[in-house]
Amino acid sequence: LGRIGKEVALRMQSFQMRTIGYDPVIPPEVTDQFGVQQ
């Protein structure tokens, strides 16, 4: 869920997809801000 993963999430959310993910480094509270539940 780094730079590319974040940009993918933001674009696919426009298709009303549910975006979930996994990243061992980036905290869940950070990915929550761009709509990805870890």
PDB file of all heavy atoms in Angstrom:
ATOM      1  N   LEU A   1       0.823  -1.218   0.000  1.00  0.00           N
ATOM      2  CA  LEU A   1       0.000   0.000   0.000  1.00  0.00           C
ATOM      3  C   LEU A   1       0.853   1.262   0.000  1.00  0.00           C
ATOM      4  O   LEU A   1       0.518   2.251   0.644  1.00  0.00           O
ATOM      5  CB  LEU A   1      -0.947  -0.021   1.198  1.00  0.00           C
ATOM      6  CG  LEU A   1      -2.001  -1.140   1.120  1.00  0.00           C
ATOM      7  CD1 LEU A   1      -2.659  -1.377   2.467  1.00  0.00           C
ATOM      8  CD2 LEU A   1      -3.039  -0.816   0.059  1.00  0.00           C
ATOM      9  N   GLY A   2       1.954   1.204  -0.731  1.00  0.00           N
ATOM     10  CA  GLY A   2       2.783   2.394  -0.914  1.00  0.00           C
ATOM     11  C   GLY A   2       2.179   3.317  -1.948  1.00  0.00           C
ATOM     12  O   GLY A   2       0.964   3.362  -2.143  1.00  0.00           O
ATOM     13  N   ARG A   3       3.048   4.047  -2.650  1.00  0.00           N
ATOM     14  CA  ARG A   3       2.563   5.061  -3.592  1.00  0.00           C
ATOM     15  C   ARG A   3       1.663   4.475  -4.674  1.00  0.00           C
ATOM     16  O   ARG A   3       0.590   5.008  -4.965  1.00  0.00           O
ATOM     17  CB  ARG A   3       3.747   5.783  -4.228  1.00  0.00           C
ATOM     18  CG  ARG A   3       4.592   6.583  -3.254  1.00  0.00           C
ATOM     19  CD  ARG A   3       5.771   7.223  -3.972  1.00  0.00           C
ATOM     20  NE  ARG A   3       6.607   7.993  -3.067  1.00  0.00           N
ATOM     21  CZ  ARG A   3       7.600   7.467  -2.355  1.00  0.00           C
ATOM     22  NH1 ARG A   3       7.891   6.193  -2.480  1.00  0.00           N
ATOM     23  NH2 ARG A   3       8.313   8.227  -1.534  1.00  0.00           N
ATOM     24  N   ILE A   4       2.096   3.378  -5.305  1.00  0.00           N
ATOM     25  CA  ILE A   4       1.321   2.811  -6.406  1.00  0.00           C
ATOM     26  C   ILE A   4       0.048   2.169  -5.884  1.00  0.00           C
ATOM     27  O   ILE A   4      -1.040   2.363  -6.447  1.00  0.00           O
ATOM     28  CB  ILE A   4       2.177   1.807  -7.195  1.00  0.00           C
ATOM     29  CG1 ILE A   4       3.376   2.518  -7.826  1.00  0.00           C
ATOM     30  CG2 ILE A   4       1.347   1.129  -8.282  1.00  0.00           C
ATOM     31  CD1 ILE A   4       4.374   1.593  -8.497  1.00  0.00           C
ATOM     32  N   GLY A   5       0.165   1.403  -4.801  1.00  0.00           N
ATOM     33  CA  GLY A   5      -1.016   0.773  -4.232  1.00  0.00           C
ATOM     34  C   GLY A   5      -2.076   1.788  -3.849  1.00  0.00           C
ATOM     35  O   GLY A   5      -3.280   1.570  -4.073  1.00  0.00           O
ATOM     36  N   LYS A   6      -1.657   2.902  -3.293  1.00  0.00           N
ATOM     37  CA  LYS A   6      -2.601   3.958  -2.924  1.00  0.00           C
ATOM     38  C   LYS A   6      -3.300   4.519  -4.153  1.00  0.00           C
ATOM     39  O   LYS A   6      -4.529   4.716  -4.152  1.00  0.00           O
ATOM     40  CB  LYS A   6      -1.857   5.069  -2.181  1.00  0.00           C
ATOM     41  CG  LYS A   6      -2.725   6.286  -1.870  1.00  0.00           C
ATOM     42  CD  LYS A   6      -1.913   7.389  -1.212  1.00  0.00           C
ATOM     43  CE  LYS A   6      -2.755   8.629  -0.964  1.00  0.00           C
ATOM     44  NZ  LYS A   6      -1.966   9.724  -0.334  1.00  0.00           N
ATOM     45  N   GLU A   7      -2.534   4.787  -5.220  1.00  0.00           N
ATOM     46  CA  GLU A   7      -3.132   5.363  -6.434  1.00  0.00           C
ATOM     47  C   GLU A   7      -4.104   4.386  -7.080  1.00  0.00           C
ATOM     48  O   GLU A   7      -5.139   4.799  -7.616  1.00  0.00           O
ATOM     49  CB  GLU A   7      -2.026   5.749  -7.426  1.00  0.00           C
ATOM     50  CG  GLU A   7      -1.087   6.850  -6.947  1.00  0.00           C
ATOM     51  CD  GLU A   7      -1.781   8.177  -6.706  1.00  0.00           C
ATOM     52  OE1 GLU A   7      -2.879   8.396  -7.283  1.00  0.00           O
ATOM     53  OE2 GLU A   7      -1.251   9.001  -5.945  1.00  0.00           O
ATOM     54  N   VAL A   8      -3.797   3.089  -7.042  1.00  0.00           N
ATOM     55  CA  VAL A   8      -4.730   2.089  -7.564  1.00  0.00           C
ATOM     56  C   VAL A   8      -6.030   2.121  -6.770  1.00  0.00           C
ATOM     57  O   VAL A   8      -7.134   2.115  -7.341  1.00  0.00           O
ATOM     58  CB  VAL A   8      -4.096   0.687  -7.517  1.00  0.00           C
ATOM     59  CG1 VAL A   8      -5.142  -0.396  -7.807  1.00  0.00           C
ATOM     60  CG2 VAL A   8      -2.954   0.589  -8.515  1.00  0.00           C
ATOM     61  N   ALA A   9      -5.920   2.176  -5.453  1.00  0.00           N
ATOM     62  CA  ALA A   9      -7.111   2.191  -4.594  1.00  0.00           C
ATOM     63  C   ALA A   9      -8.007   3.376  -4.913  1.00  0.00           C
ATOM     64  O   ALA A   9      -9.229   3.228  -5.087  1.00  0.00           O
ATOM     65  CB  ALA A   9      -6.694   2.217  -3.131  1.00  0.00           C
ATOM     66  N   LEU A  10      -7.421   4.552  -5.004  1.00  0.00           N
ATOM     67  CA  LEU A  10      -8.223   5.755  -5.252  1.00  0.00           C
ATOM     68  C   LEU A  10      -8.954   5.667  -6.583  1.00  0.00           C
ATOM     69  O   LEU A  10     -10.112   6.103  -6.690  1.00  0.00           O
ATOM     70  CB  LEU A  10      -7.312   6.989  -5.231  1.00  0.00           C
ATOM     71  CG  LEU A  10      -6.670   7.329  -3.881  1.00  0.00           C
ATOM     72  CD1 LEU A  10      -5.678   8.476  -4.015  1.00  0.00           C
ATOM     73  CD2 LEU A  10      -7.743   7.678  -2.848  1.00  0.00           C
ATOM     74  N   ARG A  11      -8.317   5.102  -7.594  1.00  0.00           N
ATOM     75  CA  ARG A  11      -8.958   5.018  -8.910  1.00  0.00           C
ATOM     76  C   ARG A  11     -10.050   3.958  -8.951  1.00  0.00           C
ATOM     77  O   ARG A  11     -11.126   4.169  -9.519  1.00  0.00           O
ATOM     78  CB  ARG A  11      -7.893   4.752  -9.982  1.00  0.00           C
ATOM     79  CG  ARG A  11      -7.092   6.000 -10.318  1.00  0.00           C
ATOM     80  CD  ARG A  11      -5.712   5.686 -10.863  1.00  0.00           C
ATOM     81  NE  ARG A  11      -5.000   6.925 -11.190  1.00  0.00           N
ATOM     82  CZ  ARG A  11      -4.439   7.731 -10.287  1.00  0.00           C
ATOM     83  NH1 ARG A  11      -4.520   7.414  -8.999  1.00  0.00           N
ATOM     84  NH2 ARG A  11      -3.823   8.838 -10.660  1.00  0.00           N
ATOM     85  N   MET A  12      -9.790   2.812  -8.334  1.00  0.00           N
ATOM     86  CA  MET A  12     -10.777   1.734  -8.403  1.00  0.00           C
ATOM     87  C   MET A  12     -11.969   1.989  -7.484  1.00  0.00           C
ATOM     88  O   MET A  12     -13.046   1.414  -7.688  1.00  0.00           O
ATOM     89  CB  MET A  12     -10.122   0.395  -8.084  1.00  0.00           C
ATOM     90  CG  MET A  12      -9.024  -0.009  -9.077  1.00  0.00           C
ATOM     91  SD  MET A  12      -9.433   0.294 -10.825  1.00  0.00           S
ATOM     92  CE  MET A  12     -10.845  -0.789 -11.058  1.00  0.00           C
ATOM     93  N   GLN A  13     -11.800   2.856  -6.507  1.00  0.00           N
ATOM     94  CA  GLN A  13     -12.945   3.241  -5.672  1.00  0.00           C
ATOM     95  C   GLN A  13     -13.992   3.999  -6.493  1.00  0.00           C
ATOM     96  O   GLN A  13     -15.184   3.987  -6.158  1.00  0.00           O
ATOM     97  CB  GLN A  13     -12.464   4.085  -4.493  1.00  0.00           C
ATOM     98  CG  GLN A  13     -11.761   3.278  -3.416  1.00  0.00           C
ATOM     99  CD  GLN A  13     -10.902   4.135  -2.490  1.00  0.00           C
ATOM    100  OE1 GLN A  13     -10.989   5.372  -2.501  1.00  0.00           O
ATOM    101  NE2 GLN A  13     -10.067   3.493  -1.695  1.00  0.00           N
ATOM    102  N   SER A  14     -13.554   4.639  -7.584  1.00  0.00           N
ATOM    103  CA  SER A  14     -14.510   5.343  -8.449  1.00  0.00           C
ATOM    104  C   SER A  14     -15.421   4.364  -9.182  1.00  0.00           C
ATOM    105  O   SER A  14     -16.464   4.749  -9.698  1.00  0.00           O
ATOM    106  CB  SER A  14     -13.776   6.231  -9.461  1.00  0.00           C
ATOM    107  OG  SER A  14     -13.058   5.443 -10.384  1.00  0.00           O
ATOM    108  N   PHE A  15     -15.025   3.076  -9.224  1.00  0.00           N
ATOM    109  CA  PHE A  15     -15.888   2.027  -9.773  1.00  0.00           C
ATOM    110  C   PHE A  15     -16.781   1.426  -8.683  1.00  0.00           C
ATOM    111  O   PHE A  15     -17.451   0.427  -8.918  1.00  0.00           O
ATOM    112  CB  PHE A  15     -15.044   0.911 -10.383  1.00  0.00           C
ATOM    113  CG  PHE A  15     -14.422   1.255 -11.709  1.00  0.00           C
ATOM    114  CD1 PHE A  15     -13.256   1.996 -11.772  1.00  0.00           C
ATOM    115  CD2 PHE A  15     -15.007   0.843 -12.898  1.00  0.00           C
ATOM    116  CE1 PHE A  15     -12.670   2.314 -12.979  1.00  0.00           C
ATOM    117  CE2 PHE A  15     -14.436   1.159 -14.118  1.00  0.00           C
ATOM    118  CZ  PHE A  15     -13.266   1.901 -14.164  1.00  0.00           C
ATOM    119  N   GLN A  16     -16.758   2.040  -7.495  1.00  0.00           N
ATOM    120  CA  GLN A  16     -17.479   1.538  -6.318  1.00  0.00           C
ATOM    121  C   GLN A  16     -17.006   0.135  -5.924  1.00  0.00           C
ATOM    122  O   GLN A  16     -17.779  -0.699  -5.455  1.00  0.00           O
ATOM    123  CB  GLN A  16     -18.995   1.531  -6.547  1.00  0.00           C
ATOM    124  CG  GLN A  16     -19.649   2.896  -6.424  1.00  0.00           C
ATOM    125  CD  GLN A  16     -19.398   3.763  -7.647  1.00  0.00           C
ATOM    126  OE1 GLN A  16     -19.712   3.361  -8.766  1.00  0.00           O
ATOM    127  NE2 GLN A  16     -18.845   4.949  -7.441  1.00  0.00           N
ATOM    128  N   MET A  17     -15.713  -0.101  -6.111  1.00  0.00           N
ATOM    129  CA  MET A  17     -15.142  -1.329  -5.581  1.00  0.00           C
ATOM    130  C   MET A  17     -14.816  -1.145  -4.105  1.00  0.00           C
ATOM    131  O   MET A  17     -14.458  -0.040  -3.672  1.00  0.00           O
ATOM    132  CB  MET A  17     -13.855  -1.710  -6.320  1.00  0.00           C
ATOM    133  CG  MET A  17     -14.029  -2.112  -7.764  1.00  0.00           C
ATOM    134  SD  MET A  17     -12.529  -2.893  -8.441  1.00  0.00           S
ATOM    135  CE  MET A  17     -12.767  -4.597  -7.907  1.00  0.00           C
ATOM    136  N   ARG A  18     -14.920  -2.202  -3.341  1.00  0.00           N
ATOM    137  CA  ARG A  18     -14.459  -2.209  -1.958  1.00  0.00           C
ATOM    138  C   ARG A  18     -12.959  -2.507  -1.988  1.00  0.00           C
ATOM    139  O   ARG A  18     -12.531  -3.496  -2.569  1.00  0.00           O
ATOM    140  CB  ARG A  18     -15.197  -3.273  -1.164  1.00  0.00           C
ATOM    141  CG  ARG A  18     -14.671  -3.473   0.256  1.00  0.00           C
ATOM    142  CD  ARG A  18     -15.401  -4.608   0.940  1.00  0.00           C
ATOM    143  NE  ARG A  18     -14.843  -4.880   2.255  1.00  0.00           N
ATOM    144  CZ  ARG A  18     -14.435  -6.078   2.673  1.00  0.00           C
ATOM    145  NH1 ARG A  18     -14.510  -7.133   1.852  1.00  0.00           N
ATOM    146  NH2 ARG A  18     -13.950  -6.233   3.878  1.00  0.00           N
ATOM    147  N   THR A  19     -12.175  -1.645  -1.386  1.00  0.00           N
ATOM    148  CA  THR A  19     -10.721  -1.814  -1.415  1.00  0.00           C
ATOM    149  C   THR A  19     -10.212  -2.215  -0.032  1.00  0.00           C
ATOM    150  O   THR A  19     -10.410  -1.507   0.950  1.00  0.00           O
ATOM    151  CB  THR A  19     -10.009  -0.531  -1.877  1.00  0.00           C
ATOM    152  OG1 THR A  19     -10.470   0.585  -1.115  1.00  0.00           O
ATOM    153  CG2 THR A  19     -10.275  -0.268  -3.354  1.00  0.00           C
ATOM    154  N   ILE A  20      -9.559  -3.383   0.002  1.00  0.00           N
ATOM    155  CA  ILE A  20      -8.922  -3.855   1.223  1.00  0.00           C
ATOM    156  C   ILE A  20      -7.448  -4.077   0.897  1.00  0.00           C
ATOM    157  O   ILE A  20      -7.036  -3.985  -0.263  1.00  0.00           O
ATOM    158  CB  ILE A  20      -9.564  -5.153   1.752  1.00  0.00           C
ATOM    159  CG1 ILE A  20      -9.365  -6.299   0.746  1.00  0.00           C
ATOM    160  CG2 ILE A  20     -11.041  -4.937   2.044  1.00  0.00           C
ATOM    161  CD1 ILE A  20      -9.847  -7.651   1.259  1.00  0.00           C
ATOM    162  N   GLY A  21      -6.628  -4.349   1.900  1.00  0.00           N
ATOM    163  CA  GLY A  21      -5.221  -4.526   1.586  1.00  0.00           C
ATOM    164  C   GLY A  21      -4.391  -5.030   2.740  1.00  0.00           C
ATOM    165  O   GLY A  21      -4.884  -5.252   3.855  1.00  0.00           O
ATOM    166  N   TYR A  22      -3.112  -5.169   2.429  1.00  0.00           N
ATOM    167  CA  TYR A  22      -2.133  -5.636   3.423  1.00  0.00           C
ATOM    168  C   TYR A  22      -0.813  -4.934   3.163  1.00  0.00           C
ATOM    169  O   TYR A  22      -0.375  -4.801   2.016  1.00  0.00           O
ATOM    170  CB  TYR A  22      -1.925  -7.150   3.316  1.00  0.00           C
ATOM    171  CG  TYR A  22      -0.742  -7.653   4.114  1.00  0.00           C
ATOM    172  CD1 TYR A  22      -0.834  -7.827   5.486  1.00  0.00           C
ATOM    173  CD2 TYR A  22       0.477  -7.922   3.482  1.00  0.00           C
ATOM    174  CE1 TYR A  22       0.259  -8.278   6.225  1.00  0.00           C
ATOM    175  CE2 TYR A  22       1.569  -8.377   4.211  1.00  0.00           C
ATOM    176  CZ  TYR A  22       1.455  -8.546   5.587  1.00  0.00           C
ATOM    177  OH  TYR A  22       2.531  -8.968   6.314  1.00  0.00           O
ATOM    178  N   ASP A  23      -0.188  -4.453   4.235  1.00  0.00           N
ATOM    179  CA  ASP A  23       1.155  -3.876   4.155  1.00  0.00           C
ATOM    180  C   ASP A  23       1.796  -4.010   5.525  1.00  0.00           C
ATOM    181  O   ASP A  23       1.235  -3.543   6.524  1.00  0.00           O
ATOM    182  CB  ASP A  23       1.102  -2.405   3.733  1.00  0.00           C
ATOM    183  CG  ASP A  23       2.460  -1.883   3.300  1.00  0.00           C
ATOM    184  OD1 ASP A  23       3.376  -1.848   4.151  1.00  0.00           O
ATOM    185  OD2 ASP A  23       2.621  -1.514   2.125  1.00  0.00           O
ATOM    186  N   PRO A  24       2.966  -4.658   5.604  1.00  0.00           N
ATOM    187  CA  PRO A  24       3.598  -4.868   6.910  1.00  0.00           C
ATOM    188  C   PRO A  24       4.250  -3.613   7.477  1.00  0.00           C
ATOM    189  O   PRO A  24       4.668  -3.620   8.638  1.00  0.00           O
ATOM    190  CB  PRO A  24       4.656  -5.939   6.611  1.00  0.00           C
ATOM    191  CG  PRO A  24       5.000  -5.736   5.177  1.00  0.00           C
ATOM    192  CD  PRO A  24       3.732  -5.285   4.513  1.00  0.00           C
ATOM    193  N   VAL A  25       4.350  -2.549   6.683  1.00  0.00           N
ATOM    194  CA  VAL A  25       5.062  -1.347   7.120  1.00  0.00           C
ATOM    195  C   VAL A  25       4.109  -0.184   7.371  1.00  0.00           C
ATOM    196  O   VAL A  25       4.196   0.508   8.390  1.00  0.00           O
ATOM    197  CB  VAL A  25       6.127  -0.945   6.074  1.00  0.00           C
ATOM    198  CG1 VAL A  25       6.796   0.358   6.479  1.00  0.00           C
ATOM    199  CG2 VAL A  25       7.157  -2.054   5.908  1.00  0.00           C
ATOM    200  N   ILE A  26       3.193   0.051   6.450  1.00  0.00           N
ATOM    201  CA  ILE A  26       2.313   1.220   6.546  1.00  0.00           C
ATOM    202  C   ILE A  26       1.176   0.930   7.525  1.00  0.00           C
ATOM    203  O   ILE A  26       0.442  -0.053   7.372  1.00  0.00           O
ATOM    204  CB  ILE A  26       1.762   1.595   5.163  1.00  0.00           C
ATOM    205  CG1 ILE A  26       2.924   1.937   4.233  1.00  0.00           C
ATOM    206  CG2 ILE A  26       0.787   2.768   5.261  1.00  0.00           C
ATOM    207  CD1 ILE A  26       2.524   2.224   2.811  1.00  0.00           C
ATOM    208  N   PRO A  27       1.002   1.780   8.547  1.00  0.00           N
ATOM    209  CA  PRO A  27      -0.006   1.520   9.579  1.00  0.00           C
ATOM    210  C   PRO A  27      -1.429   1.592   9.017  1.00  0.00           C
ATOM    211  O   PRO A  27      -1.707   2.351   8.090  1.00  0.00           O
ATOM    212  CB  PRO A  27       0.220   2.642  10.604  1.00  0.00           C
ATOM    213  CG  PRO A  27       1.532   3.240  10.273  1.00  0.00           C
ATOM    214  CD  PRO A  27       1.775   3.003   8.825  1.00  0.00           C
ATOM    215  N   PRO A  28      -2.358   0.820   9.588  1.00  0.00           N
ATOM    216  CA  PRO A  28      -3.755   0.841   9.136  1.00  0.00           C
ATOM    217  C   PRO A  28      -4.393   2.226   9.201  1.00  0.00           C
ATOM    218  O   PRO A  28      -5.224   2.566   8.361  1.00  0.00           O
ATOM    219  CB  PRO A  28      -4.447  -0.135  10.101  1.00  0.00           C
ATOM    220  CG  PRO A  28      -3.365  -1.057  10.539  1.00  0.00           C
ATOM    221  CD  PRO A  28      -2.122  -0.221  10.605  1.00  0.00           C
ATOM    222  N   GLU A  29      -3.993   3.027  10.212  1.00  0.00           N
ATOM    223  CA  GLU A  29      -4.602   4.357  10.322  1.00  0.00           C
ATOM    224  C   GLU A  29      -4.230   5.246   9.142  1.00  0.00           C
ATOM    225  O   GLU A  29      -4.969   6.176   8.789  1.00  0.00           O
ATOM    226  CB  GLU A  29      -4.224   5.040  11.639  1.00  0.00           C
ATOM    227  CG  GLU A  29      -2.732   5.130  11.926  1.00  0.00           C
ATOM    228  CD  GLU A  29      -2.219   3.956  12.740  1.00  0.00           C
ATOM    229  OE1 GLU A  29      -2.827   2.866  12.672  1.00  0.00           O
ATOM    230  OE2 GLU A  29      -1.212   4.137  13.445  1.00  0.00           O
ATOM    231  N   VAL A  30      -3.090   4.978   8.510  1.00  0.00           N
ATOM    232  CA  VAL A  30      -2.700   5.743   7.319  1.00  0.00           C
ATOM    233  C   VAL A  30      -3.521   5.299   6.119  1.00  0.00           C
ATOM    234  O   VAL A  30      -4.052   6.127   5.366  1.00  0.00           O
ATOM    235  CB  VAL A  30      -1.192   5.575   7.036  1.00  0.00           C
ATOM    236  CG1 VAL A  30      -0.811   6.217   5.698  1.00  0.00           C
ATOM    237  CG2 VAL A  30      -0.370   6.182   8.162  1.00  0.00           C
ATOM    238  N   THR A  31      -3.665   4.000   5.917  1.00  0.00           N
ATOM    239  CA  THR A  31      -4.422   3.519   4.754  1.00  0.00           C
ATOM    240  C   THR A  31      -5.911   3.771   4.901  1.00  0.00           C
ATOM    241  O   THR A  31      -6.622   3.889   3.895  1.00  0.00           O
ATOM    242  CB  THR A  31      -4.156   2.023   4.520  1.00  0.00           C
ATOM    243  OG1 THR A  31      -4.618   1.257   5.632  1.00  0.00           O
ATOM    244  CG2 THR A  31      -2.667   1.777   4.320  1.00  0.00           C
ATOM    245  N   ASP A  32      -6.395   3.857   6.139  1.00  0.00           N
ATOM    246  CA  ASP A  32      -7.803   4.224   6.357  1.00  0.00           C
ATOM    247  C   ASP A  32      -8.121   5.569   5.717  1.00  0.00           C
ATOM    248  O   ASP A  32      -9.232   5.796   5.228  1.00  0.00           O
ATOM    249  CB  ASP A  32      -8.117   4.293   7.858  1.00  0.00           C
ATOM    250  CG  ASP A  32      -8.248   2.924   8.494  1.00  0.00           C
ATOM    251  OD1 ASP A  32      -8.385   1.929   7.747  1.00  0.00           O
ATOM    252  OD2 ASP A  32      -8.196   2.839   9.739  1.00  0.00           O
ATOM    253  N   GLN A  33      -7.126   6.459   5.709  1.00  0.00           N
ATOM    254  CA  GLN A  33      -7.346   7.801   5.181  1.00  0.00           C
ATOM    255  C   GLN A  33      -7.580   7.808   3.680  1.00  0.00           C
ATOM    256  O   GLN A  33      -8.182   8.735   3.151  1.00  0.00           O
ATOM    257  CB  GLN A  33      -6.147   8.702   5.532  1.00  0.00           C
ATOM    258  CG  GLN A  33      -5.975   8.940   7.014  1.00  0.00           C
ATOM    259  CD  GLN A  33      -4.710   9.718   7.341  1.00  0.00           C
ATOM    260  OE1 GLN A  33      -4.022  10.227   6.464  1.00  0.00           O
ATOM    261  NE2 GLN A  33      -4.389   9.819   8.626  1.00  0.00           N
ATOM    262  N   PHE A  34      -7.092   6.784   2.958  1.00  0.00           N
ATOM    263  CA  PHE A  34      -7.418   6.725   1.525  1.00  0.00           C
ATOM    264  C   PHE A  34      -8.299   5.517   1.196  1.00  0.00           C
ATOM    265  O   PHE A  34      -8.318   5.001   0.083  1.00  0.00           O
ATOM    266  CB  PHE A  34      -6.169   6.779   0.640  1.00  0.00           C
ATOM    267  CG  PHE A  34      -5.096   5.765   0.904  1.00  0.00           C
ATOM    268  CD1 PHE A  34      -5.141   4.498   0.325  1.00  0.00           C
ATOM    269  CD2 PHE A  34      -4.006   6.076   1.712  1.00  0.00           C
ATOM    270  CE1 PHE A  34      -4.135   3.580   0.548  1.00  0.00           C
ATOM    271  CE2 PHE A  34      -2.988   5.157   1.932  1.00  0.00           C
ATOM    272  CZ  PHE A  34      -3.055   3.901   1.350  1.00  0.00           C
ATOM    273  N   GLY A  35      -9.075   5.085   2.184  1.00  0.00           N
ATOM    274  CA  GLY A  35     -10.158   4.157   1.923  1.00  0.00           C
ATOM    275  C   GLY A  35      -9.786   2.698   1.802  1.00  0.00           C
ATOM    276  O   GLY A  35     -10.540   1.923   1.201  1.00  0.00           O
ATOM    277  N   VAL A  36      -8.654   2.289   2.383  1.00  0.00           N
ATOM    278  CA  VAL A  36      -8.260   0.881   2.331  1.00  0.00           C
ATOM    279  C   VAL A  36      -8.218   0.320   3.746  1.00  0.00           C
ATOM    280  O   VAL A  36      -7.446   0.785   4.589  1.00  0.00           O
ATOM    281  CB  VAL A  36      -6.892   0.695   1.657  1.00  0.00           C
ATOM    282  CG1 VAL A  36      -6.479  -0.777   1.698  1.00  0.00           C
ATOM    283  CG2 VAL A  36      -6.936   1.177   0.217  1.00  0.00           C
ATOM    284  N   GLN A  37      -9.046  -0.687   3.985  1.00  0.00           N
ATOM    285  CA  GLN A  37      -9.052  -1.363   5.277  1.00  0.00           C
ATOM    286  C   GLN A  37      -8.047  -2.500   5.229  1.00  0.00           C
ATOM    287  O   GLN A  37      -8.060  -3.313   4.302  1.00  0.00           O
ATOM    288  CB  GLN A  37     -10.455  -1.903   5.584  1.00  0.00           C
ATOM    289  CG  GLN A  37     -10.578  -2.559   6.953  1.00  0.00           C
ATOM    290  CD  GLN A  37     -11.979  -3.072   7.222  1.00  0.00           C
ATOM    291  OE1 GLN A  37     -12.855  -3.019   6.348  1.00  0.00           O
ATOM    292  NE2 GLN A  37     -12.199  -3.584   8.426  1.00  0.00           N
ATOM    293  N   GLN A  38      -7.168  -2.554   6.224  1.00  0.00           N
ATOM    294  CA  GLN A  38      -6.137  -3.586   6.224  1.00  0.00           C
ATOM    295  C   GLN A  38      -6.592  -4.844   6.964  1.00  0.00           C
ATOM    296  O   GLN A  38      -7.312  -4.776   7.966  1.00  0.00           O
ATOM    297  CB  GLN A  38      -4.847  -3.065   6.868  1.00  0.00           C
ATOM    298  CG  GLN A  38      -4.081  -2.088   5.987  1.00  0.00           C
ATOM    299  CD  GLN A  38      -2.598  -2.062   6.327  1.00  0.00           C
ATOM    300  OE1 GLN A  38      -1.972  -3.110   6.481  1.00  0.00           O
ATOM    301  NE2 GLN A  38      -2.045  -0.858   6.425  1.00  0.00           N
TER     302      GLN A  38
END
